[in-house]
Amino acid sequence: MTQAELAGDVGVTRQTVVAVEAGDYAPSVYLALAIAQRLGSSVENLFGEQSAADRPGLGDGVGAGA
């Protein structure tokens, strides 16, 4: 499926899909649900939090009270 096809299926622009993919845009709950449903996945699977070790500034002892 292309970004354009997904965008059309969930009612947004391709640029919105690009921004969501890149992590530059947090979708509304409704959009996240629509994307997950269209992709046959869950919101948690697609948009769930990364582990602390994968996020900058967390899990590395910097700024985490360590």
N, C-alpha and C. Protein backbone atom coordinates (compact mmCIF):
# COMPACT_ATOMS: atom_id res chain seq x y z
N MET A 1 0.85 -1.18 0.00
CA MET A 1 0.00 0.00 0.00
C MET A 1 0.90 1.24 0.00
N THR A 2 0.54 2.20 -0.80
CA THR A 2 1.31 3.43 -0.85
C THR A 2 0.81 4.41 0.21
N GLN A 3 1.63 5.42 0.46
CA GLN A 3 1.21 6.48 1.39
C GLN A 3 -0.04 7.17 0.86
N ALA A 4 -0.10 7.39 -0.43
CA ALA A 4 -1.26 8.06 -1.04
C ALA A 4 -2.52 7.22 -0.87
N GLU A 5 -2.40 5.90 -1.04
CA GLU A 5 -3.56 5.03 -0.86
C GLU A 5 -4.05 5.04 0.58
N LEU A 6 -3.12 4.93 1.52
CA LEU A 6 -3.48 4.97 2.94
C LEU A 6 -4.14 6.31 3.27
N ALA A 7 -3.54 7.38 2.79
CA ALA A 7 -4.10 8.71 3.04
C ALA A 7 -5.53 8.81 2.54
N GLY A 8 -5.77 8.36 1.32
CA GLY A 8 -7.11 8.40 0.75
C GLY A 8 -8.09 7.56 1.55
N ASP A 9 -7.64 6.40 2.00
CA ASP A 9 -8.50 5.49 2.74
C ASP A 9 -8.92 6.06 4.10
N VAL A 10 -8.03 6.84 4.72
CA VAL A 10 -8.34 7.37 6.06
C VAL A 10 -8.73 8.84 6.04
N GLY A 11 -8.74 9.45 4.86
CA GLY A 11 -9.26 10.81 4.72
C GLY A 11 -8.31 11.93 5.09
N VAL A 12 -7.01 11.72 4.84
CA VAL A 12 -6.03 12.79 5.07
C VAL A 12 -5.16 12.92 3.82
N THR A 13 -4.25 13.87 3.83
CA THR A 13 -3.34 14.03 2.70
C THR A 13 -2.14 13.08 2.85
N ARG A 14 -1.48 12.85 1.75
CA ARG A 14 -0.26 12.03 1.78
C ARG A 14 0.78 12.67 2.68
N GLN A 15 0.83 14.00 2.69
CA GLN A 15 1.79 14.70 3.53
C GLN A 15 1.54 14.42 5.01
N THR A 16 0.28 14.25 5.40
CA THR A 16 -0.03 13.91 6.79
C THR A 16 0.50 12.53 7.11
N VAL A 17 0.31 11.58 6.21
CA VAL A 17 0.83 10.22 6.43
C VAL A 17 2.35 10.25 6.55
N VAL A 18 3.00 11.03 5.70
CA VAL A 18 4.46 11.16 5.77
C VAL A 18 4.88 11.70 7.13
N ALA A 19 4.20 12.73 7.60
CA ALA A 19 4.54 13.34 8.89
C ALA A 19 4.31 12.38 10.05
N VAL A 20 3.23 11.60 9.99
CA VAL A 20 2.97 10.61 11.04
C VAL A 20 4.06 9.56 11.03
N GLU A 21 4.40 9.06 9.86
CA GLU A 21 5.47 8.05 9.72
C GLU A 21 6.79 8.56 10.29
N ALA A 22 7.10 9.82 10.03
CA ALA A 22 8.37 10.39 10.46
C ALA A 22 8.38 10.75 11.95
N GLY A 23 7.21 10.71 12.57
CA GLY A 23 7.13 11.08 13.97
C GLY A 23 7.05 12.58 14.19
N ASP A 24 6.78 13.31 13.11
CA ASP A 24 6.69 14.77 13.20
C ASP A 24 5.27 15.25 13.53
N TYR A 25 4.32 14.33 13.52
CA TYR A 25 2.92 14.68 13.75
C TYR A 25 2.27 13.56 14.55
N ALA A 26 1.65 13.92 15.66
CA ALA A 26 0.91 12.95 16.46
C ALA A 26 -0.54 12.98 16.01
N PRO A 27 -1.03 11.88 15.46
CA PRO A 27 -2.40 11.88 14.95
C PRO A 27 -3.43 11.93 16.06
N SER A 28 -4.62 12.40 15.73
CA SER A 28 -5.73 12.34 16.68
C SER A 28 -6.05 10.88 16.97
N VAL A 29 -6.79 10.66 18.02
CA VAL A 29 -7.21 9.30 18.35
C VAL A 29 -7.99 8.70 17.18
N TYR A 30 -8.85 9.50 16.59
CA TYR A 30 -9.68 9.02 15.49
C TYR A 30 -8.83 8.64 14.28
N LEU A 31 -7.84 9.45 13.96
CA LEU A 31 -6.96 9.13 12.84
C LEU A 31 -6.11 7.92 13.16
N ALA A 32 -5.58 7.84 14.37
CA ALA A 32 -4.77 6.68 14.76
C ALA A 32 -5.58 5.39 14.65
N LEU A 33 -6.84 5.44 15.09
CA LEU A 33 -7.72 4.26 14.98
C LEU A 33 -7.97 3.89 13.53
N ALA A 34 -8.20 4.89 12.69
CA ALA A 34 -8.46 4.63 11.27
C ALA A 34 -7.24 4.03 10.59
N ILE A 35 -6.06 4.55 10.89
CA ILE A 35 -4.83 4.01 10.31
C ILE A 35 -4.61 2.58 10.76
N ALA A 36 -4.76 2.35 12.05
CA ALA A 36 -4.56 1.00 12.58
C ALA A 36 -5.54 0.01 11.96
N GLN A 37 -6.80 0.40 11.86
CA GLN A 37 -7.80 -0.48 11.27
C GLN A 37 -7.46 -0.79 9.82
N ARG A 38 -7.09 0.24 9.07
CA ARG A 38 -6.77 0.05 7.64
C ARG A 38 -5.56 -0.84 7.46
N LEU A 39 -4.59 -0.76 8.39
CA LEU A 39 -3.38 -1.57 8.28
C LEU A 39 -3.52 -2.93 8.97
N GLY A 40 -4.68 -3.19 9.55
CA GLY A 40 -4.91 -4.47 10.21
C GLY A 40 -4.07 -4.64 11.45
N SER A 41 -3.87 -3.56 12.16
CA SER A 41 -3.03 -3.59 13.35
C SER A 41 -3.78 -2.91 14.49
N SER A 42 -3.06 -2.64 15.58
CA SER A 42 -3.65 -1.92 16.70
C SER A 42 -2.94 -0.59 16.89
N VAL A 43 -3.63 0.34 17.52
CA VAL A 43 -3.02 1.63 17.82
C VAL A 43 -1.79 1.42 18.70
N GLU A 44 -1.90 0.53 19.66
CA GLU A 44 -0.78 0.26 20.57
C GLU A 44 0.43 -0.24 19.81
N ASN A 45 0.19 -1.12 18.85
CA ASN A 45 1.30 -1.67 18.07
C ASN A 45 1.95 -0.60 17.19
N LEU A 46 1.14 0.25 16.59
CA LEU A 46 1.67 1.26 15.68
C LEU A 46 2.23 2.49 16.38
N PHE A 47 1.58 2.90 17.47
CA PHE A 47 1.93 4.17 18.09
C PHE A 47 2.34 4.05 19.55
N GLY A 48 2.48 2.82 20.05
CA GLY A 48 2.85 2.62 21.45
C GLY A 48 4.20 3.22 21.77
N GLU A 49 4.38 3.49 23.06
CA GLU A 49 5.64 4.09 23.50
C GLU A 49 6.80 3.17 23.24
N GLN A 50 7.91 3.77 22.87
CA GLN A 50 9.15 3.03 22.72
C GLN A 50 9.69 2.73 24.11
N SER A 51 10.55 1.76 24.17
CA SER A 51 11.17 1.50 25.47
C SER A 51 12.05 2.68 25.85
N ALA A 52 12.29 2.85 27.14
CA ALA A 52 13.08 4.00 27.62
C ALA A 52 14.46 4.03 27.00
N ALA A 53 15.04 2.88 26.73
CA ALA A 53 16.39 2.82 26.15
C ALA A 53 16.42 3.36 24.72
N ASP A 54 15.28 3.36 24.04
CA ASP A 54 15.23 3.83 22.65
C ASP A 54 14.98 5.32 22.51
N ARG A 55 14.64 5.99 23.62
CA ARG A 55 14.31 7.41 23.56
C ARG A 55 15.49 8.24 24.05
N PRO A 56 15.85 9.29 23.33
CA PRO A 56 16.94 10.14 23.77
C PRO A 56 16.65 10.74 25.15
N GLY A 57 17.65 10.72 26.01
CA GLY A 57 17.52 11.34 27.31
C GLY A 57 16.89 10.44 28.36
N LEU A 58 16.37 9.31 27.96
CA LEU A 58 15.78 8.37 28.90
C LEU A 58 16.55 7.05 28.83
N GLY A 59 16.80 6.48 29.97
CA GLY A 59 17.50 5.23 29.99
C GLY A 59 19.00 5.38 29.86
N ASP A 60 19.48 6.63 29.69
CA ASP A 60 20.92 6.81 29.57
C ASP A 60 21.50 7.51 30.80
N GLY A 61 20.65 7.70 31.83
CA GLY A 61 21.12 8.31 33.05
C GLY A 61 21.18 9.82 33.01
N VAL A 62 20.91 10.40 31.86
CA VAL A 62 20.97 11.85 31.72
C VAL A 62 19.56 12.41 31.92
N GLY A 63 19.39 13.27 32.90
CA GLY A 63 18.13 13.91 33.13
C GLY A 63 17.05 13.00 33.67
N ALA A 64 17.44 11.84 34.13
CA ALA A 64 16.45 10.89 34.64
C ALA A 64 16.59 10.73 36.14
N GLY A 65 17.12 11.73 36.79
CA GLY A 65 17.27 11.67 38.24
C GLY A 65 18.46 10.86 38.67
N ALA A 66 19.31 10.51 37.75
CA ALA A 66 20.49 9.70 38.09
C ALA A 66 21.69 10.58 38.34
